[in-house]
Each structure stands twice: as C-alpha cells, then as structure tokens.
C-alpha cells in the first residue's frame, strides 16, 4: 500500500522529505562553490589586467629605449660622417687660390 502511495505521489511530483533535504544541502554547497569560483575568477581577471598593464609599460619602455638608441646611433653616424669628410678633405690639395 505504501509503495502504491509513494508511486502516485512521485508521479504528481512529490518527493520524500529526506531527498528534499539532501537536494537542498547539495544546492547550498553548489552555491557556495559557485561563489568561491566567482571570487577566484575576479582575482584572476584582476591579475590578468595587471599583467597586461605591465606588458604595455614594458613595450613603451622598449620603444623609448629603441628611440634613444636610434638617436644615439644617428648622432654617432653623423659624427663619423663629419670625421670621415674632414679626413678626406685633408688629403686634397688646393687647386688654386681663393
């Protein structure tokens, strides 16, 4: 008789109290785990943003160093060109009077 009643109640959507408590506990545990994962995800997103900012700063620094290096190289090349021109001009003898 109890089995028949249980089956009818189950067909109607009712469940035993113990099963309801177990499912409620499982829901609470899953919600807690979800909250924990959300916090972890926010921390990882924050860390990710910090890393991207750091990479941007490194890139800007590298660009600035490259530009400084390029300016130093350009300056060096200009000085070298002037020195080479001066040395070459020393070897020439004047053709006439100025």
PDB file of N, CA and C in Angstrom:
ATOM      1  N   UNK A   1       0.821  -1.187   0.000  1.00  0.00           N
ATOM      2  CA  UNK A   1       0.000   0.000   0.000  1.00  0.00           C
ATOM      3  C   UNK A   1       0.875   1.266   0.000  1.00  0.00           C
ATOM      4  N   UNK A   2       1.944   1.212   0.807  1.00  0.00           N
ATOM      5  CA  UNK A   2       2.841   2.362   0.889  1.00  0.00           C
ATOM      6  C   UNK A   2       3.534   2.611  -0.453  1.00  0.00           C
ATOM      7  N   UNK A   3       3.931   1.526  -1.125  1.00  0.00           N
ATOM      8  CA  UNK A   3       4.608   1.665  -2.410  1.00  0.00           C
ATOM      9  C   UNK A   3       3.695   2.304  -3.440  1.00  0.00           C
ATOM     10  N   UNK A   4       2.446   1.923  -3.440  1.00  0.00           N
ATOM     11  CA  UNK A   4       1.480   2.485  -4.377  1.00  0.00           C
ATOM     12  C   UNK A   4       1.303   3.984  -4.106  1.00  0.00           C
ATOM     13  N   UNK A   5       1.151   4.323  -2.824  1.00  0.00           N
ATOM     14  CA  UNK A   5       1.015   5.734  -2.442  1.00  0.00           C
ATOM     15  C   UNK A   5       2.265   6.528  -2.851  1.00  0.00           C
ATOM     16  N   UNK A   6       3.430   5.950  -2.596  1.00  0.00           N
ATOM     17  CA  UNK A   6       4.698   6.584  -2.941  1.00  0.00           C
ATOM     18  C   UNK A   6       4.791   6.825  -4.445  1.00  0.00           C
ATOM     19  N   UNK A   7       4.394   5.824  -5.224  1.00  0.00           N
ATOM     20  CA  UNK A   7       4.440   5.952  -6.689  1.00  0.00           C
ATOM     21  C   UNK A   7       3.490   7.036  -7.186  1.00  0.00           C
ATOM     22  N   UNK A   8       2.310   7.077  -6.621  1.00  0.00           N
ATOM     23  CA  UNK A   8       1.325   8.091  -7.024  1.00  0.00           C
ATOM     24  C   UNK A   8       1.851   9.488  -6.691  1.00  0.00           C
ATOM     25  N   UNK A   9       2.394   9.622  -5.494  1.00  0.00           N
ATOM     26  CA  UNK A   9       2.923  10.918  -5.085  1.00  0.00           C
ATOM     27  C   UNK A   9       4.120  11.332  -5.967  1.00  0.00           C
ATOM     28  N   UNK A  10       4.920  10.356  -6.328  1.00  0.00           N
ATOM     29  CA  UNK A  10       6.065  10.623  -7.191  1.00  0.00           C
ATOM     30  C   UNK A  10       5.616  11.078  -8.581  1.00  0.00           C
ATOM     31  N   UNK A  11       4.582  10.452  -9.099  1.00  0.00           N
ATOM     32  CA  UNK A  11       4.034  10.844 -10.397  1.00  0.00           C
ATOM     33  C   UNK A  11       3.527  12.280 -10.343  1.00  0.00           C
ATOM     34  N   UNK A  12       2.959  12.676  -9.216  1.00  0.00           N
ATOM     35  CA  UNK A  12       2.441  14.031  -9.044  1.00  0.00           C
ATOM     36  C   UNK A  12       3.558  15.053  -8.786  1.00  0.00           C
ATOM     37  N   UNK A  13       4.790  14.581  -8.590  1.00  0.00           N
ATOM     38  CA  UNK A  13       5.912  15.493  -8.415  1.00  0.00           C
ATOM     39  C   UNK A  13       6.382  15.646  -6.985  1.00  0.00           C
ATOM     40  N   UNK A  14       5.799  14.900  -6.060  1.00  0.00           N
ATOM     41  CA  UNK A  14       6.229  14.987  -4.673  1.00  0.00           C
ATOM     42  C   UNK A  14       7.431  14.077  -4.440  1.00  0.00           C
ATOM     43  N   UNK A  15       8.293  14.514  -3.532  1.00  0.00           N
ATOM     44  CA  UNK A  15       9.462  13.704  -3.191  1.00  0.00           C
ATOM     45  C   UNK A  15       9.532  13.558  -1.666  1.00  0.00           C
ATOM     46  N   UNK A  16      10.216  12.525  -1.184  1.00  0.00           N
ATOM     47  CA  UNK A  16      10.336  12.355   0.263  1.00  0.00           C
ATOM     48  C   UNK A  16      11.126  13.511   0.902  1.00  0.00           C
ATOM     49  N   UNK A  17      10.822  13.781   2.162  1.00  0.00           N
ATOM     50  CA  UNK A  17      11.445  14.875   2.889  1.00  0.00           C
ATOM     51  C   UNK A  17      12.973  14.719   2.950  1.00  0.00           C
ATOM     52  N   UNK A  18      13.441  13.473   3.124  1.00  0.00           N
ATOM     53  CA  UNK A  18      14.883  13.230   3.220  1.00  0.00           C
ATOM     54  C   UNK A  18      15.580  13.573   1.894  1.00  0.00           C
ATOM     55  N   UNK A  19      14.957  13.236   0.805  1.00  0.00           N
ATOM     56  CA  UNK A  19      15.519  13.557  -0.501  1.00  0.00           C
ATOM     57  C   UNK A  19      15.525  15.074  -0.718  1.00  0.00           C
ATOM     58  N   UNK A  20      14.468  15.716  -0.267  1.00  0.00           N
ATOM     59  CA  UNK A  20      14.384  17.170  -0.387  1.00  0.00           C
ATOM     60  C   UNK A  20      15.513  17.830   0.414  1.00  0.00           C
ATOM     61  N   UNK A  21      15.763  17.367   1.637  1.00  0.00           N
ATOM     62  CA  UNK A  21      16.838  17.924   2.465  1.00  0.00           C
ATOM     63  C   UNK A  21      18.199  17.693   1.812  1.00  0.00           C
ATOM     64  N   UNK A  22      18.398  16.495   1.286  1.00  0.00           N
ATOM     65  CA  UNK A  22      19.665  16.169   0.629  1.00  0.00           C
ATOM     66  C   UNK A  22      19.887  17.065  -0.593  1.00  0.00           C
ATOM     67  N   UNK A  23      18.859  17.260  -1.389  1.00  0.00           N
ATOM     68  CA  UNK A  23      18.971  18.119  -2.570  1.00  0.00           C
ATOM     69  C   UNK A  23      19.179  19.582  -2.173  1.00  0.00           C
ATOM     70  N   UNK A  24      18.512  20.012  -1.090  1.00  0.00           N
ATOM     71  CA  UNK A  24      18.693  21.374  -0.610  1.00  0.00           C
ATOM     72  C   UNK A  24      20.127  21.589  -0.150  1.00  0.00           C
ATOM     73  N   UNK A  25      20.681  20.604   0.593  1.00  0.00           N
ATOM     74  CA  UNK A  25      22.071  20.690   1.019  1.00  0.00           C
ATOM     75  C   UNK A  25      23.017  20.751  -0.184  1.00  0.00           C
ATOM     76  N   UNK A  26      22.730  19.948  -1.184  1.00  0.00           N
ATOM     77  CA  UNK A  26      23.556  19.928  -2.399  1.00  0.00           C
ATOM     78  C   UNK A  26      23.494  21.282  -3.109  1.00  0.00           C
ATOM     79  N   UNK A  27      22.313  21.884  -3.156  1.00  0.00           N
ATOM     80  CA  UNK A  27      22.159  23.201  -3.781  1.00  0.00           C
ATOM     81  C   UNK A  27      22.972  24.245  -3.030  1.00  0.00           C
ATOM     82  N   UNK A  28      22.904  24.211  -1.688  1.00  0.00           N
ATOM     83  CA  UNK A  28      23.662  25.171  -0.878  1.00  0.00           C
ATOM     84  C   UNK A  28      25.155  24.995  -1.115  1.00  0.00           C
ATOM     85  N   UNK A  29      25.625  23.756  -1.140  1.00  0.00           N
ATOM     86  CA  UNK A  29      27.050  23.502  -1.383  1.00  0.00           C
ATOM     87  C   UNK A  29      27.471  23.982  -2.773  1.00  0.00           C
ATOM     88  N   UNK A  30      26.628  23.744  -3.766  1.00  0.00           N
ATOM     89  CA  UNK A  30      26.941  24.199  -5.126  1.00  0.00           C
ATOM     90  C   UNK A  30      26.958  25.724  -5.210  1.00  0.00           C
ATOM     91  N   UNK A  31      26.044  26.389  -4.495  1.00  0.00           N
ATOM     92  CA  UNK A  31      26.035  27.854  -4.486  1.00  0.00           C
ATOM     93  C   UNK A  31      27.296  28.395  -3.823  1.00  0.00           C
ATOM     94  N   UNK A  32      27.738  27.743  -2.733  1.00  0.00           N
ATOM     95  CA  UNK A  32      28.974  28.161  -2.070  1.00  0.00           C
ATOM     96  C   UNK A  32      30.176  27.974  -2.995  1.00  0.00           C
ATOM     97  N   UNK A  33      30.213  26.851  -3.678  1.00  0.00           N
ATOM     98  CA  UNK A  33      31.301  26.590  -4.619  1.00  0.00           C
ATOM     99  C   UNK A  33      31.267  27.614  -5.760  1.00  0.00           C
ATOM    100  N   UNK A  34      30.070  27.938  -6.217  1.00  0.00           N
ATOM    101  CA  UNK A  34      29.913  28.938  -7.275  1.00  0.00           C
ATOM    102  C   UNK A  34      30.442  30.295  -6.814  1.00  0.00           C
ATOM    103  N   UNK A  35      30.096  30.703  -5.594  1.00  0.00           N
ATOM    104  CA  UNK A  35      30.590  31.971  -5.051  1.00  0.00           C
ATOM    105  C   UNK A  35      32.116  31.967  -4.969  1.00  0.00           C
ATOM    106  N   UNK A  36      32.677  30.845  -4.514  1.00  0.00           N
ATOM    107  CA  UNK A  36      34.128  30.727  -4.407  1.00  0.00           C
ATOM    108  C   UNK A  36      34.778  30.856  -5.792  1.00  0.00           C
ATOM    109  N   UNK A  37      34.203  30.201  -6.788  1.00  0.00           N
ATOM    110  CA  UNK A  37      34.747  30.261  -8.142  1.00  0.00           C
ATOM    111  C   UNK A  37      34.613  31.656  -8.745  1.00  0.00           C
ATOM    112  N   UNK A  38      33.533  32.346  -8.427  1.00  0.00           N
ATOM    113  CA  UNK A  38      33.361  33.719  -8.919  1.00  0.00           C
ATOM    114  C   UNK A  38      34.438  34.628  -8.331  1.00  0.00           C
ATOM    115  N   UNK A  39      34.699  34.482  -7.013  1.00  0.00           N
ATOM    116  CA  UNK A  39      35.757  35.283  -6.384  1.00  0.00           C
ATOM    117  C   UNK A  39      37.105  34.975  -7.012  1.00  0.00           C
ATOM    118  N   UNK A  40      37.381  33.699  -7.232  1.00  0.00           N
ATOM    119  CA  UNK A  40      38.643  33.295  -7.843  1.00  0.00           C
ATOM    120  C   UNK A  40      38.768  33.864  -9.250  1.00  0.00           C
ATOM    121  N   UNK A  41      37.670  33.839  -9.998  1.00  0.00           N
ATOM    122  CA  UNK A  41      37.668  34.366 -11.361  1.00  0.00           C
ATOM    123  C   UNK A  41      37.946  35.872 -11.356  1.00  0.00           C
ATOM    124  N   UNK A  42      37.352  36.596 -10.409  1.00  0.00           N
ATOM    125  CA  UNK A  42      37.586  38.038 -10.314  1.00  0.00           C
ATOM    126  C   UNK A  42      39.042  38.328  -9.980  1.00  0.00           C
ATOM    127  N   UNK A  43      39.634  37.524  -9.089  1.00  0.00           N
ATOM    128  CA  UNK A  43      41.046  37.698  -8.747  1.00  0.00           C
ATOM    129  C   UNK A  43      41.934  37.446  -9.966  1.00  0.00           C
ATOM    130  N   UNK A  44      41.600  36.404 -10.719  1.00  0.00           N
ATOM    131  CA  UNK A  44      42.395  36.077 -11.906  1.00  0.00           C
ATOM    132  C   UNK A  44      42.231  37.163 -12.962  1.00  0.00           C
ATOM    133  N   UNK A  45      41.034  37.694 -13.120  1.00  0.00           N
ATOM    134  CA  UNK A  45      40.828  38.777 -14.081  1.00  0.00           C
ATOM    135  C   UNK A  45      41.616  40.015 -13.677  1.00  0.00           C
ATOM    136  N   UNK A  46      41.645  40.313 -12.370  1.00  0.00           N
ATOM    137  CA  UNK A  46      42.415  41.448 -11.881  1.00  0.00           C
ATOM    138  C   UNK A  46      43.901  41.235 -12.149  1.00  0.00           C
ATOM    139  N   UNK A  47      44.391  40.043 -11.868  1.00  0.00           N
ATOM    140  CA  UNK A  47      45.797  39.717 -12.131  1.00  0.00           C
ATOM    141  C   UNK A  47      46.099  39.811 -13.626  1.00  0.00           C
ATOM    142  N   UNK A  48      45.177  39.319 -14.444  1.00  0.00           N
ATOM    143  CA  UNK A  48      45.331  39.382 -15.895  1.00  0.00           C
ATOM    144  C   UNK A  48      45.446  40.837 -16.362  1.00  0.00           C
ATOM    145  N   UNK A  49      44.572  41.696 -15.836  1.00  0.00           N
ATOM    146  CA  UNK A  49      44.626  43.111 -16.190  1.00  0.00           C
ATOM    147  C   UNK A  49      45.951  43.740 -15.782  1.00  0.00           C
ATOM    148  N   UNK A  50      46.430  43.383 -14.583  1.00  0.00           N
ATOM    149  CA  UNK A  50      47.716  43.907 -14.117  1.00  0.00           C
ATOM    150  C   UNK A  50      48.851  43.459 -15.031  1.00  0.00           C
ATOM    151  N   UNK A  51      48.812  42.213 -15.447  1.00  0.00           N
ATOM    152  CA  UNK A  51      49.853  41.707 -16.336  1.00  0.00           C
ATOM    153  C   UNK A  51      49.824  42.407 -17.681  1.00  0.00           C
ATOM    154  N   UNK A  52      48.638  42.662 -18.213  1.00  0.00           N
ATOM    155  CA  UNK A  52      48.544  43.375 -19.491  1.00  0.00           C
ATOM    156  C   UNK A  52      49.087  44.795 -19.337  1.00  0.00           C
ATOM    157  N   UNK A  53      48.770  45.439 -18.203  1.00  0.00           N
ATOM    158  CA  UNK A  53      49.304  46.780 -17.964  1.00  0.00           C
ATOM    159  C   UNK A  53      50.829  46.752 -17.901  1.00  0.00           C
ATOM    160  N   UNK A  54      51.367  45.730 -17.228  1.00  0.00           N
ATOM    161  CA  UNK A  54      52.819  45.592 -17.122  1.00  0.00           C
ATOM    162  C   UNK A  54      53.438  45.391 -18.505  1.00  0.00           C
ATOM    163  N   UNK A  55      52.808  44.564 -19.334  1.00  0.00           N
ATOM    164  CA  UNK A  55      53.311  44.344 -20.689  1.00  0.00           C
ATOM    165  C   UNK A  55      53.282  45.634 -21.508  1.00  0.00           C
ATOM    166  N   UNK A  56      52.229  46.424 -21.338  1.00  0.00           N
ATOM    167  CA  UNK A  56      52.153  47.708 -22.044  1.00  0.00           C
ATOM    168  C   UNK A  56      53.281  48.638 -21.612  1.00  0.00           C
ATOM    169  N   UNK A  57      53.558  48.669 -20.291  1.00  0.00           N
ATOM    170  CA  UNK A  57      54.648  49.512 -19.797  1.00  0.00           C
ATOM    171  C   UNK A  57      55.992  49.036 -20.339  1.00  0.00           C
ATOM    172  N   UNK A  58      56.197  47.738 -20.361  1.00  0.00           N
ATOM    173  CA  UNK A  58      57.444  47.185 -20.905  1.00  0.00           C
ATOM    174  C   UNK A  58      57.586  47.548 -22.376  1.00  0.00           C
ATOM    175  N   UNK A  59      56.496  47.444 -23.108  1.00  0.00           N
ATOM    176  CA  UNK A  59      56.524  47.776 -24.536  1.00  0.00           C
ATOM    177  C   UNK A  59      56.862  49.250 -24.740  1.00  0.00           C
ATOM    178  N   UNK A  60      56.235  50.126 -23.949  1.00  0.00           N
ATOM    179  CA  UNK A  60      56.524  51.560 -24.066  1.00  0.00           C
ATOM    180  C   UNK A  60      57.982  51.833 -23.714  1.00  0.00           C
ATOM    181  N   UNK A  61      58.465  51.164 -22.680  1.00  0.00           N
ATOM    182  CA  UNK A  61      59.863  51.334 -22.273  1.00  0.00           C
ATOM    183  C   UNK A  61      60.806  50.870 -23.371  1.00  0.00           C
ATOM    184  N   UNK A  62      60.491  49.717 -23.971  1.00  0.00           N
ATOM    185  CA  UNK A  62      61.324  49.212 -25.068  1.00  0.00           C
ATOM    186  C   UNK A  62      61.324  50.167 -26.250  1.00  0.00           C
ATOM    187  N   UNK A  63      60.168  50.723 -26.545  1.00  0.00           N
ATOM    188  CA  UNK A  63      60.076  51.680 -27.656  1.00  0.00           C
ATOM    189  C   UNK A  63      60.913  52.916 -27.348  1.00  0.00           C
ATOM    190  N   UNK A  64      60.810  53.401 -26.100  1.00  0.00           N
ATOM    191  CA  UNK A  64      61.593  54.590 -25.714  1.00  0.00           C
ATOM    192  C   UNK A  64      63.086  54.284 -25.784  1.00  0.00           C
ATOM    193  N   UNK A  65      63.498  53.107 -25.293  1.00  0.00           N
ATOM    194  CA  UNK A  65      64.913  52.730 -25.358  1.00  0.00           C
ATOM    195  C   UNK A  65      65.368  52.620 -26.808  1.00  0.00           C
ATOM    196  N   UNK A  66      64.525  52.060 -27.641  1.00  0.00           N
ATOM    197  CA  UNK A  66      64.860  51.923 -29.061  1.00  0.00           C
ATOM    198  C   UNK A  66      65.028  53.295 -29.697  1.00  0.00           C
ATOM    199  N   UNK A  67      64.125  54.208 -29.369  1.00  0.00           N
ATOM    200  CA  UNK A  67      64.215  55.555 -29.938  1.00  0.00           C
ATOM    201  C   UNK A  67      65.478  56.259 -29.451  1.00  0.00           C
ATOM    202  N   UNK A  68      65.815  56.091 -28.165  1.00  0.00           N
ATOM    203  CA  UNK A  68      67.041  56.692 -27.635  1.00  0.00           C
ATOM    204  C   UNK A  68      68.256  56.076 -28.318  1.00  0.00           C
ATOM    205  N   UNK A  69      68.215  54.761 -28.468  1.00  0.00           N
ATOM    206  CA  UNK A  69      69.313  54.079 -29.152  1.00  0.00           C
ATOM    207  C   UNK A  69      69.434  54.532 -30.587  1.00  0.00           C
ATOM    208  N   UNK A  70      68.322  54.735 -31.244  1.00  0.00           N
ATOM    209  CA  UNK A  70      68.328  55.201 -32.630  1.00  0.00           C
ATOM    210  C   UNK A  70      68.891  56.611 -32.709  1.00  0.00           C
ATOM    211  N   UNK A  71      68.516  57.461 -31.742  1.00  0.00           N
ATOM    212  CA  UNK A  71      69.058  58.820 -31.730  1.00  0.00           C
ATOM    213  C   UNK A  71      70.566  58.791 -31.505  1.00  0.00           C
ATOM    214  N   UNK A  72      71.019  57.941 -30.585  1.00  0.00           N
ATOM    215  CA  UNK A  72      72.462  57.822 -30.331  1.00  0.00           C
ATOM    216  C   UNK A  72      73.175  57.309 -31.576  1.00  0.00           C
ATOM    217  N   UNK A  73      72.573  56.331 -32.253  1.00  0.00           N
ATOM    218  CA  UNK A  73      73.174  55.797 -33.472  1.00  0.00           C
ATOM    219  C   UNK A  73      73.219  56.853 -34.565  1.00  0.00           C
ATOM    220  N   UNK A  74      72.150  57.610 -34.723  1.00  0.00           N
ATOM    221  CA  UNK A  74      72.125  58.680 -35.727  1.00  0.00           C
ATOM    222  C   UNK A  74      73.201  59.723 -35.428  1.00  0.00           C
ATOM    223  N   UNK A  75      73.324  60.082 -34.150  1.00  0.00           N
ATOM    224  CA  UNK A  75      74.339  61.049 -33.745  1.00  0.00           C
ATOM    225  C   UNK A  75      75.740  60.520 -34.035  1.00  0.00           C
ATOM    226  N   UNK A  76      75.966  59.257 -33.691  1.00  0.00           N
ATOM    227  CA  UNK A  76      77.258  58.633 -33.943  1.00  0.00           C
ATOM    228  C   UNK A  76      77.580  58.619 -35.440  1.00  0.00           C
ATOM    229  N   UNK A  77      76.594  58.261 -36.242  1.00  0.00           N
ATOM    230  CA  UNK A  77      76.799  58.207 -37.691  1.00  0.00           C
ATOM    231  C   UNK A  77      77.100  59.604 -38.242  1.00  0.00           C
ATOM    232  N   UNK A  78      76.441  60.630 -37.727  1.00  0.00           N
ATOM    233  CA  UNK A  78      76.685  61.988 -38.177  1.00  0.00           C
ATOM    234  C   UNK A  78      78.116  62.419 -37.822  1.00  0.00           C
ATOM    235  N   UNK A  79      78.548  62.101 -36.600  1.00  0.00           N
ATOM    236  CA  UNK A  79      79.916  62.432 -36.189  1.00  0.00           C
ATOM    237  C   UNK A  79      80.935  61.680 -37.040  1.00  0.00           C
ATOM    238  N   UNK A  80      80.653  60.412 -37.308  1.00  0.00           N
ATOM    239  CA  UNK A  80      81.544  59.609 -38.138  1.00  0.00           C
ATOM    240  C   UNK A  80      81.638  60.188 -39.545  1.00  0.00           C
ATOM    241  N   UNK A  81      80.523  60.601 -40.077  1.00  0.00           N
ATOM    242  CA  UNK A  81      80.487  61.183 -41.417  1.00  0.00           C
ATOM    243  C   UNK A  81      81.302  62.479 -41.459  1.00  0.00           C
ATOM    244  N   UNK A  82      81.140  63.310 -40.433  1.00  0.00           N
ATOM    245  CA  UNK A  82      81.908  64.551 -40.378  1.00  0.00           C
ATOM    246  C   UNK A  82      83.409  64.258 -40.250  1.00  0.00           C
ATOM    247  N   UNK A  83      83.768  63.287 -39.406  1.00  0.00           N
ATOM    248  CA  UNK A  83      85.183  62.935 -39.232  1.00  0.00           C
ATOM    249  C   UNK A  83      85.759  62.397 -40.530  1.00  0.00           C
ATOM    250  N   UNK A  84      85.013  61.541 -41.217  1.00  0.00           N
ATOM    251  CA  UNK A  84      85.485  60.980 -42.493  1.00  0.00           C
ATOM    252  C   UNK A  84      85.633  62.094 -43.537  1.00  0.00           C
ATOM    253  N   UNK A  85      84.711  63.026 -43.580  1.00  0.00           N
ATOM    254  CA  UNK A  85      84.770  64.137 -44.534  1.00  0.00           C
ATOM    255  C   UNK A  85      85.992  65.000 -44.241  1.00  0.00           C
ATOM    256  N   UNK A  86      86.213  65.291 -42.953  1.00  0.00           N
ATOM    257  CA  UNK A  86      87.383  66.088 -42.578  1.00  0.00           C
ATOM    258  C   UNK A  86      88.671  65.386 -42.986  1.00  0.00           C
ATOM    259  N   UNK A  87      88.772  64.091 -42.739  1.00  0.00           N
ATOM    260  CA  UNK A  87      89.971  63.327 -43.088  1.00  0.00           C
ATOM    261  C   UNK A  87      90.180  63.306 -44.603  1.00  0.00           C
ATOM    262  N   UNK A  88      89.111  63.138 -45.337  1.00  0.00           N
ATOM    263  CA  UNK A  88      89.225  63.110 -46.795  1.00  0.00           C
ATOM    264  C   UNK A  88      89.637  64.481 -47.329  1.00  0.00           C
ATOM    265  N   UNK A  89      89.142  65.539 -46.726  1.00  0.00           N
ATOM    266  CA  UNK A  89      89.471  66.901 -47.186  1.00  0.00           C
ATOM    267  C   UNK A  89      90.935  67.259 -46.894  1.00  0.00           C
ATOM    268  N   UNK A  90      91.508  66.641 -45.857  1.00  0.00           N
ATOM    269  CA  UNK A  90      92.925  66.902 -45.546  1.00  0.00           C
ATOM    270  C   UNK A  90      93.840  66.390 -46.648  1.00  0.00           C
ATOM    271  N   UNK A  91      93.429  65.335 -47.311  1.00  0.00           N
ATOM    272  CA  UNK A  91      94.268  64.728 -48.349  1.00  0.00           C
ATOM    273  C   UNK A  91      94.240  65.522 -49.656  1.00  0.00           C
ATOM    274  N   UNK A  92      93.236  66.350 -49.871  1.00  0.00           N
ATOM    275  CA  UNK A  92      93.140  67.122 -51.111  1.00  0.00           C
ATOM    276  C   UNK A  92      94.024  68.379 -50.992  1.00  0.00           C
ATOM    277  N   UNK A  93      94.677  68.703 -52.107  1.00  0.00           N
ATOM    278  CA  UNK A  93      95.478  69.911 -52.160  1.00  0.00           C
ATOM    279  C   UNK A  93      94.675  70.956 -52.914  1.00  0.00           C
ATOM    280  N   UNK A  94      94.812  72.190 -52.514  1.00  0.00           N
ATOM    281  CA  UNK A  94      94.046  73.226 -53.209  1.00  0.00           C
ATOM    282  C   UNK A  94      94.486  73.339 -54.666  1.00  0.00           C
ATOM    283  N   UNK A  95      93.534  73.578 -55.523  1.00  0.00           N
ATOM    284  CA  UNK A  95      93.803  73.685 -56.949  1.00  0.00           C
ATOM    285  C   UNK A  95      94.244  75.112 -57.280  1.00  0.00           C
ATOM    286  N   UNK A  96      93.679  76.051 -56.642  1.00  0.00           N
ATOM    287  CA  UNK A  96      94.034  77.438 -56.906  1.00  0.00           C
ATOM    288  C   UNK A  96      93.891  78.262 -55.656  1.00  0.00           C
ATOM    289  N   UNK A  97      94.091  79.595 -55.848  1.00  0.00           N
ATOM    290  CA  UNK A  97      93.944  80.476 -54.710  1.00  0.00           C
ATOM    291  C   UNK A  97      92.513  80.936 -54.595  1.00  0.00           C
ATOM    292  N   UNK A  98      92.103  81.075 -53.353  1.00  0.00           N
ATOM    293  CA  UNK A  98      90.743  81.528 -53.109  1.00  0.00           C
ATOM    294  C   UNK A  98      90.703  82.978 -52.772  1.00  0.00           C
TER     295      UNK A  98
END
